[in-house]
PDB file of N, CA and C in Angstrom:
ATOM      1  N   MET A   1    -164.813 -57.487 172.929  1.00  0.00           N
ATOM      2  CA  MET A   1    -165.606 -57.423 171.732  1.00  0.00           C
ATOM      3  C   MET A   1    -166.455 -58.274 170.928  1.00  0.00           C
ATOM      4  N   LYS A   2    -166.965 -59.120 171.349  1.00  0.00           N
ATOM      5  CA  LYS A   2    -168.302 -59.760 170.222  1.00  0.00           C
ATOM      6  C   LYS A   2    -169.001 -59.706 171.061  1.00  0.00           C
ATOM      7  N   LYS A   3    -168.669 -58.776 172.128  1.00  0.00           N
ATOM      8  CA  LYS A   3    -170.821 -58.519 172.997  1.00  0.00           C
ATOM      9  C   LYS A   3    -170.656 -57.377 172.528  1.00  0.00           C
ATOM     10  N   THR A   4    -170.121 -55.968 172.409  1.00  0.00           N
ATOM     11  CA  THR A   4    -170.177 -55.041 172.041  1.00  0.00           C
ATOM     12  C   THR A   4    -170.562 -54.873 170.529  1.00  0.00           C
ATOM     13  N   THR A   5    -170.411 -56.237 169.463  1.00  0.00           N
ATOM     14  CA  THR A   5    -170.378 -55.915 167.718  1.00  0.00           C
ATOM     15  C   THR A   5    -172.402 -56.405 167.776  1.00  0.00           C
ATOM     16  N   SER A   6    -172.374 -57.408 168.686  1.00  0.00           N
ATOM     17  CA  SER A   6    -174.117 -57.926 169.015  1.00  0.00           C
ATOM     18  C   SER A   6    -174.583 -56.847 169.470  1.00  0.00           C
ATOM     19  N   ALA A   7    -174.015 -55.746 170.083  1.00  0.00           N
ATOM     20  CA  ALA A   7    -175.200 -54.876 170.633  1.00  0.00           C
ATOM     21  C   ALA A   7    -175.498 -53.945 170.005  1.00  0.00           C
ATOM     22  N   LEU A   8    -174.601 -53.513 169.741  1.00  0.00           N
ATOM     23  CA  LEU A   8    -174.498 -52.304 167.457  1.00  0.00           C
ATOM     24  C   LEU A   8    -175.476 -53.147 167.019  1.00  0.00           C
ATOM     25  N   PHE A   9    -175.073 -54.414 166.055  1.00  0.00           N
ATOM     26  CA  PHE A   9    -176.566 -55.043 165.629  1.00  0.00           C
ATOM     27  C   PHE A   9    -177.747 -55.180 166.155  1.00  0.00           C
ATOM     28  N   ALA A  10    -178.340 -54.956 167.384  1.00  0.00           N
ATOM     29  CA  ALA A  10    -179.838 -55.182 168.183  1.00  0.00           C
ATOM     30  C   ALA A  10    -179.034 -53.571 168.215  1.00  0.00           C
ATOM     31  N   LEU A  11    -178.874 -52.783 168.802  1.00  0.00           N
ATOM     32  CA  LEU A  11    -179.369 -51.751 168.058  1.00  0.00           C
ATOM     33  C   LEU A  11    -179.877 -51.264 167.233  1.00  0.00           C
ATOM     34  N   ILE A  12    -179.027 -50.844 165.658  1.00  0.00           N
ATOM     35  CA  ILE A  12    -179.414 -50.723 164.123  1.00  0.00           C
ATOM     36  C   ILE A  12    -180.531 -51.240 164.381  1.00  0.00           C
ATOM     37  N   LEU A  13    -180.506 -52.902 163.916  1.00  0.00           N
ATOM     38  CA  LEU A  13    -181.983 -53.301 164.256  1.00  0.00           C
ATOM     39  C   LEU A  13    -183.405 -52.144 164.448  1.00  0.00           C
ATOM     40  N   VAL A  14    -183.428 -51.778 165.615  1.00  0.00           N
ATOM     41  CA  VAL A  14    -184.212 -51.229 166.725  1.00  0.00           C
ATOM     42  C   VAL A  14    -183.965 -50.424 165.638  1.00  0.00           C
ATOM     43  N   ALA A  15    -183.767 -49.951 166.040  1.00  0.00           N
ATOM     44  CA  ALA A  15    -183.434 -47.898 164.839  1.00  0.00           C
ATOM     45  C   ALA A  15    -183.718 -48.209 163.597  1.00  0.00           C
ATOM     46  N   CYS A  16    -183.416 -49.478 163.174  1.00  0.00           N
ATOM     47  CA  CYS A  16    -184.901 -49.430 162.473  1.00  0.00           C
ATOM     48  C   CYS A  16    -185.851 -49.562 161.864  1.00  0.00           C
ATOM     49  N   GLY A  17    -186.942 -49.781 162.925  1.00  0.00           N
ATOM     50  CA  GLY A  17    -187.937 -50.049 162.620  1.00  0.00           C
ATOM     51  C   GLY A  17    -188.251 -51.887 162.571  1.00  0.00           C
ATOM     52  N   ARG A  18    -189.449 -51.897 162.213  1.00  0.00           N
ATOM     53  CA  ARG A  18    -189.874 -53.348 162.295  1.00  0.00           C
ATOM     54  C   ARG A  18    -188.343 -54.429 162.178  1.00  0.00           C
ATOM     55  N   ALA A  19    -187.888 -55.081 162.772  1.00  0.00           N
ATOM     56  CA  ALA A  19    -187.045 -56.916 162.704  1.00  0.00           C
ATOM     57  C   ALA A  19    -187.059 -57.099 161.590  1.00  0.00           C
ATOM     58  N   GLY A  20    -188.394 -57.276 161.325  1.00  0.00           N
ATOM     59  CA  GLY A  20    -188.709 -58.460 159.759  1.00  0.00           C
ATOM     60  C   GLY A  20    -190.482 -57.901 159.339  1.00  0.00           C
ATOM     61  N   PRO A  21    -190.699 -58.560 158.924  1.00  0.00           N
ATOM     62  CA  PRO A  21    -192.055 -58.290 157.791  1.00  0.00           C
ATOM     63  C   PRO A  21    -193.633 -58.840 158.747  1.00  0.00           C
ATOM     64  N   ASP A  22    -194.387 -57.548 157.816  1.00  0.00           N
ATOM     65  CA  ASP A  22    -195.784 -58.268 159.207  1.00  0.00           C
ATOM     66  C   ASP A  22    -195.988 -59.903 158.812  1.00  0.00           C
ATOM     67  N   THR A  23    -196.296 -60.202 160.470  1.00  0.00           N
ATOM     68  CA  THR A  23    -196.230 -62.120 159.610  1.00  0.00           C
ATOM     69  C   THR A  23    -198.159 -61.215 160.538  1.00  0.00           C
ATOM     70  N   VAL A  24    -199.026 -63.428 160.607  1.00  0.00           N
ATOM     71  CA  VAL A  24    -199.711 -63.037 160.760  1.00  0.00           C
ATOM     72  C   VAL A  24    -200.291 -62.819 161.914  1.00  0.00           C
ATOM     73  N   GLU A  25    -199.526 -63.912 162.908  1.00  0.00           N
ATOM     74  CA  GLU A  25    -199.249 -62.982 164.225  1.00  0.00           C
ATOM     75  C   GLU A  25    -199.272 -62.424 164.701  1.00  0.00           C
ATOM     76  N   SER A  26    -198.618 -61.498 163.783  1.00  0.00           N
ATOM     77  CA  SER A  26    -198.181 -59.414 164.529  1.00  0.00           C
ATOM     78  C   SER A  26    -199.076 -59.511 163.964  1.00  0.00           C
ATOM     79  N   LEU A  27    -199.868 -59.511 162.967  1.00  0.00           N
ATOM     80  CA  LEU A  27    -201.073 -58.040 163.051  1.00  0.00           C
ATOM     81  C   LEU A  27    -202.325 -58.716 163.837  1.00  0.00           C
ATOM     82  N   ALA A  28    -202.574 -59.822 164.367  1.00  0.00           N
ATOM     83  CA  ALA A  28    -203.797 -60.303 165.014  1.00  0.00           C
ATOM     84  C   ALA A  28    -203.448 -59.875 166.170  1.00  0.00           C
ATOM     85  N   ALA A  29    -201.611 -59.520 167.141  1.00  0.00           N
ATOM     86  CA  ALA A  29    -202.114 -58.806 168.318  1.00  0.00           C
ATOM     87  C   ALA A  29    -201.642 -57.393 167.609  1.00  0.00           C
ATOM     88  N   ASN A  30    -201.897 -56.499 166.581  1.00  0.00           N
ATOM     89  CA  ASN A  30    -201.403 -55.718 166.198  1.00  0.00           C
ATOM     90  C   ASN A  30    -203.258 -55.161 165.458  1.00  0.00           C
ATOM     91  N   PRO A  31    -203.892 -54.501 166.378  1.00  0.00           N
ATOM     92  CA  PRO A  31    -205.144 -54.108 165.604  1.00  0.00           C
ATOM     93  C   PRO A  31    -204.542 -52.577 164.722  1.00  0.00           C
ATOM     94  N   GLU A  32    -203.953 -51.579 165.782  1.00  0.00           N
ATOM     95  CA  GLU A  32    -203.720 -50.987 164.253  1.00  0.00           C
ATOM     96  C   GLU A  32    -202.937 -50.659 162.864  1.00  0.00           C
ATOM     97  N   ARG A  33    -202.589 -51.409 163.845  1.00  0.00           N
ATOM     98  CA  ARG A  33    -201.041 -51.925 162.115  1.00  0.00           C
ATOM     99  C   ARG A  33    -201.940 -52.809 161.383  1.00  0.00           C
ATOM    100  N   LEU A  34    -203.633 -53.434 161.819  1.00  0.00           N
ATOM    101  CA  LEU A  34    -204.088 -54.157 161.029  1.00  0.00           C
ATOM    102  C   LEU A  34    -205.238 -53.237 159.691  1.00  0.00           C
ATOM    103  N   SER A  35    -205.171 -52.947 161.017  1.00  0.00           N
ATOM    104  CA  SER A  35    -206.273 -51.582 160.356  1.00  0.00           C
ATOM    105  C   SER A  35    -206.223 -50.708 159.404  1.00  0.00           C
ATOM    106  N   GLU A  36    -204.425 -50.063 159.396  1.00  0.00           N
ATOM    107  CA  GLU A  36    -203.464 -49.337 158.755  1.00  0.00           C
ATOM    108  C   GLU A  36    -203.928 -50.652 157.510  1.00  0.00           C
ATOM    109  N   LEU A  37    -202.483 -50.990 157.333  1.00  0.00           N
ATOM    110  CA  LEU A  37    -203.289 -52.551 156.318  1.00  0.00           C
ATOM    111  C   LEU A  37    -204.203 -52.845 155.971  1.00  0.00           C
ATOM    112  N   ARG A  38    -205.505 -52.688 156.393  1.00  0.00           N
ATOM    113  CA  ARG A  38    -206.571 -53.047 155.336  1.00  0.00           C
ATOM    114  C   ARG A  38    -206.490 -51.657 154.491  1.00  0.00           C
ATOM    115  N   GLN A  39    -206.964 -50.685 154.977  1.00  0.00           N
ATOM    116  CA  GLN A  39    -207.000 -49.743 154.213  1.00  0.00           C
ATOM    117  C   GLN A  39    -206.356 -49.025 153.195  1.00  0.00           C
ATOM    118  N   GLN A  40    -204.778 -49.793 153.280  1.00  0.00           N
ATOM    119  CA  GLN A  40    -203.786 -49.262 152.428  1.00  0.00           C
ATOM    120  C   GLN A  40    -204.171 -50.093 151.077  1.00  0.00           C
ATOM    121  N   CYS A  41    -204.731 -51.186 151.692  1.00  0.00           N
ATOM    122  CA  CYS A  41    -205.128 -53.161 150.694  1.00  0.00           C
ATOM    123  C   CYS A  41    -206.187 -52.605 150.380  1.00  0.00           C
ATOM    124  N   LYS A  42    -207.268 -52.390 150.210  1.00  0.00           N
ATOM    125  CA  LYS A  42    -208.419 -51.414 149.654  1.00  0.00           C
ATOM    126  C   LYS A  42    -207.590 -50.373 148.795  1.00  0.00           C
ATOM    127  N   MET A  43    -207.193 -49.677 149.498  1.00  0.00           N
ATOM    128  CA  MET A  43    -206.951 -48.412 147.923  1.00  0.00           C
ATOM    129  C   MET A  43    -205.850 -49.040 146.867  1.00  0.00           C
ATOM    130  N   ASP A  44    -204.931 -49.403 147.194  1.00  0.00           N
ATOM    131  CA  ASP A  44    -204.003 -49.911 146.315  1.00  0.00           C
ATOM    132  C   ASP A  44    -203.165 -50.946 147.267  1.00  0.00           C
ATOM    133  N   ARG A  45    -203.974 -52.364 146.072  1.00  0.00           N
ATOM    134  CA  ARG A  45    -203.116 -53.883 146.437  1.00  0.00           C
ATOM    135  C   ARG A  45    -202.606 -53.883 146.200  1.00  0.00           C
ATOM    136  N   ALA A  46    -202.143 -53.699 144.690  1.00  0.00           N
ATOM    137  CA  ALA A  46    -200.826 -53.349 143.150  1.00  0.00           C
ATOM    138  C   ALA A  46    -199.913 -53.389 143.471  1.00  0.00           C
ATOM    139  N   ARG A  47    -200.294 -52.264 144.803  1.00  0.00           N
ATOM    140  CA  ARG A  47    -198.310 -51.791 145.021  1.00  0.00           C
ATOM    141  C   ARG A  47    -197.744 -52.832 145.733  1.00  0.00           C
ATOM    142  N   LEU A  48    -199.025 -52.883 147.057  1.00  0.00           N
ATOM    143  CA  LEU A  48    -199.013 -53.723 148.317  1.00  0.00           C
ATOM    144  C   LEU A  48    -198.631 -55.455 147.886  1.00  0.00           C
ATOM    145  N   GLY A  49    -199.838 -55.684 147.141  1.00  0.00           N
ATOM    146  CA  GLY A  49    -198.905 -57.048 146.649  1.00  0.00           C
ATOM    147  C   GLY A  49    -200.036 -57.826 147.571  1.00  0.00           C
ATOM    148  N   ASP A  50    -199.952 -58.879 146.469  1.00  0.00           N
ATOM    149  CA  ASP A  50    -201.614 -60.216 146.803  1.00  0.00           C
ATOM    150  C   ASP A  50    -200.784 -61.077 148.462  1.00  0.00           C
ATOM    151  N   GLU A  51    -199.804 -61.199 148.587  1.00  0.00           N
ATOM    152  CA  GLU A  51    -198.924 -61.993 149.629  1.00  0.00           C
ATOM    153  C   GLU A  51    -199.481 -60.667 150.971  1.00  0.00           C
ATOM    154  N   LEU A  52    -199.155 -59.624 150.730  1.00  0.00           N
ATOM    155  CA  LEU A  52    -199.121 -59.091 152.054  1.00  0.00           C
ATOM    156  C   LEU A  52    -200.836 -58.792 152.882  1.00  0.00           C
ATOM    157  N   CYS A  53    -201.397 -58.969 152.072  1.00  0.00           N
ATOM    158  CA  CYS A  53    -202.570 -57.934 152.175  1.00  0.00           C
ATOM    159  C   CYS A  53    -203.307 -60.238 152.207  1.00  0.00           C
ATOM    160  N   ASN A  54    -202.994 -60.715 151.568  1.00  0.00           N
ATOM    161  CA  ASN A  54    -203.723 -62.162 151.757  1.00  0.00           C
ATOM    162  C   ASN A  54    -203.519 -61.704 153.662  1.00  0.00           C
ATOM    163  N   ARG A  55    -201.793 -61.907 154.213  1.00  0.00           N
ATOM    164  CA  ARG A  55    -201.959 -61.976 155.460  1.00  0.00           C
ATOM    165  C   ARG A  55    -202.686 -61.543 156.197  1.00  0.00           C
ATOM    166  N   ALA A  56    -203.061 -59.786 155.889  1.00  0.00           N
ATOM    167  CA  ALA A  56    -203.680 -60.489 156.566  1.00  0.00           C
ATOM    168  C   ALA A  56    -205.140 -59.943 156.154  1.00  0.00           C
ATOM    169  N   ALA A  57    -205.654 -59.737 155.180  1.00  0.00           N
ATOM    170  CA  ALA A  57    -207.020 -60.681 155.595  1.00  0.00           C
ATOM    171  C   ALA A  57    -207.101 -62.014 156.202  1.00  0.00           C
ATOM    172  N   GLU A  58    -206.158 -62.688 156.517  1.00  0.00           N
ATOM    173  CA  GLU A  58    -205.964 -64.316 157.989  1.00  0.00           C
ATOM    174  C   GLU A  58    -205.996 -63.678 158.910  1.00  0.00           C
ATOM    175  N   ALA A  59    -205.385 -62.494 159.427  1.00  0.00           N
ATOM    176  CA  ALA A  59    -205.028 -61.587 160.553  1.00  0.00           C
ATOM    177  C   ALA A  59    -206.316 -61.223 160.539  1.00  0.00           C
ATOM    178  N   THR A  60    -207.444 -60.861 160.014  1.00  0.00           N
ATOM    179  CA  THR A  60    -208.668 -60.506 160.720  1.00  0.00           C
ATOM    180  C   THR A  60    -209.483 -61.553 160.216  1.00  0.00           C
ATOM    181  N   ASN A  61    -209.415 -62.896 159.697  1.00  0.00           N
ATOM    182  CA  ASN A  61    -210.082 -64.059 160.103  1.00  0.00           C
ATOM    183  C   ASN A  61    -210.456 -64.285 162.217  1.00  0.00           C
ATOM    184  N   ARG A  62    -208.370 -64.394 161.455  1.00  0.00           N
ATOM    185  CA  ARG A  62    -208.155 -65.300 163.057  1.00  0.00           C
ATOM    186  C   ARG A  62    -208.742 -63.945 164.367  1.00  0.00           C
ATOM    187  N   ARG A  63    -208.437 -62.317 164.638  1.00  0.00           N
ATOM    188  CA  ARG A  63    -209.396 -61.787 165.683  1.00  0.00           C
ATOM    189  C   ARG A  63    -210.238 -62.138 164.994  1.00  0.00           C
ATOM    190  N   PHE A  64    -211.594 -62.843 164.102  1.00  0.00           N
ATOM    191  CA  PHE A  64    -212.724 -62.446 164.746  1.00  0.00           C
ATOM    192  C   PHE A  64    -213.228 -63.873 164.845  1.00  0.00           C
ATOM    193  N   PHE A  65    -212.444 -64.477 164.220  1.00  0.00           N
ATOM    194  CA  PHE A  65    -213.012 -65.828 165.036  1.00  0.00           C
ATOM    195  C   PHE A  65    -212.280 -66.651 165.929  1.00  0.00           C
ATOM    196  N   GLY A  66    -211.697 -66.072 166.101  1.00  0.00           N
ATOM    197  CA  GLY A  66    -210.063 -66.494 167.114  1.00  0.00           C
ATOM    198  C   GLY A  66    -209.833 -67.556 166.860  1.00  0.00           C
ATOM    199  N   ASP A  67    -209.031 -68.764 167.842  1.00  0.00           N
ATOM    200  CA  ASP A  67    -207.730 -69.439 167.362  1.00  0.00           C
ATOM    201  C   ASP A  67    -209.162 -70.671 166.753  1.00  0.00           C
ATOM    202  N   GLY A  68    -209.840 -71.157 165.838  1.00  0.00           N
ATOM    203  CA  GLY A  68    -210.565 -72.040 165.586  1.00  0.00           C
ATOM    204  C   GLY A  68    -211.541 -73.472 166.433  1.00  0.00           C
ATOM    205  N   LYS A  69    -210.491 -73.553 168.176  1.00  0.00           N
ATOM    206  CA  LYS A  69    -211.239 -74.619 168.681  1.00  0.00           C
ATOM    207  C   LYS A  69    -213.271 -73.718 169.534  1.00  0.00           C
ATOM    208  N   THR A  70    -213.033 -74.425 170.076  1.00  0.00           N
ATOM    209  CA  THR A  70    -214.670 -74.569 170.108  1.00  0.00           C
ATOM    210  C   THR A  70    -214.863 -74.952 171.721  1.00  0.00           C
ATOM    211  N   PRO A  71    -214.614 -74.050 172.370  1.00  0.00           N
ATOM    212  CA  PRO A  71    -214.548 -74.359 173.494  1.00  0.00           C
ATOM    213  C   PRO A  71    -215.563 -75.255 174.728  1.00  0.00           C
TER     214      PRO A  71
END
């Protein structure tokens, strides 16, 4: 019964789309989502909120500058 419940819970999470909020790391790894979110922030930052738009900006910086470690 416990295995069935766990499997059902996992299936529900997958069916609902994203399991969690956009993180800086997930946005930096997904350029399509990052581009979409940056466009939305330009158009309606008040609705999306500063926190999410700041995460998108930080992800953009990480993609552009890398991890900050120079070889």
